[in-house]
């Protein structure tokens, strides 16, 4: 048997296996995972997009990625040097409570009301690991929603979406 025939006979199955593997791993598997994610977890699969109101289809951010809130009337995310990834959307409960006096002084909202909103939005960690945290975007949207007239007066630019 010639060397050319031997190479062809041995390489044909390898090429077929490579093509089938590329189709399975590069096309079919990602499509299947995406399909299952869309069915089982549609919000998360689409980026956990936040909307200003339920009737407003305008996206204002993602609950999974930190937003750059520079308005002193709102809760600010943690400093990126304190976050391992720099895009952490959450702050600790203590960080949220520390911002209450500033927001209360600037908006006139009683500190107790702001603390209530924080407590309504506290998320826990698994059992005893970690400490309670608050999603900054969710917290700011709740603050604006509950005190919309105050925010409309103080910062009308917040409502230009």
Foldseek 3Di string as FASTA:
>chain_A
DDPVVVCVVVVVVVVVVVVVCCCVVVPVVVVVVLVVCCVPPVCVSVQQFDDLDPVGPDTDGGLQFADQDPPLLAQGDDQLVVPPVSGHQKDALVSQLVSLVSNCVLQVDDSVVLNVLSVVAWDADPDPPDHIIGGRVSSRSVVCVVPVVSCCVRPVVVPPD
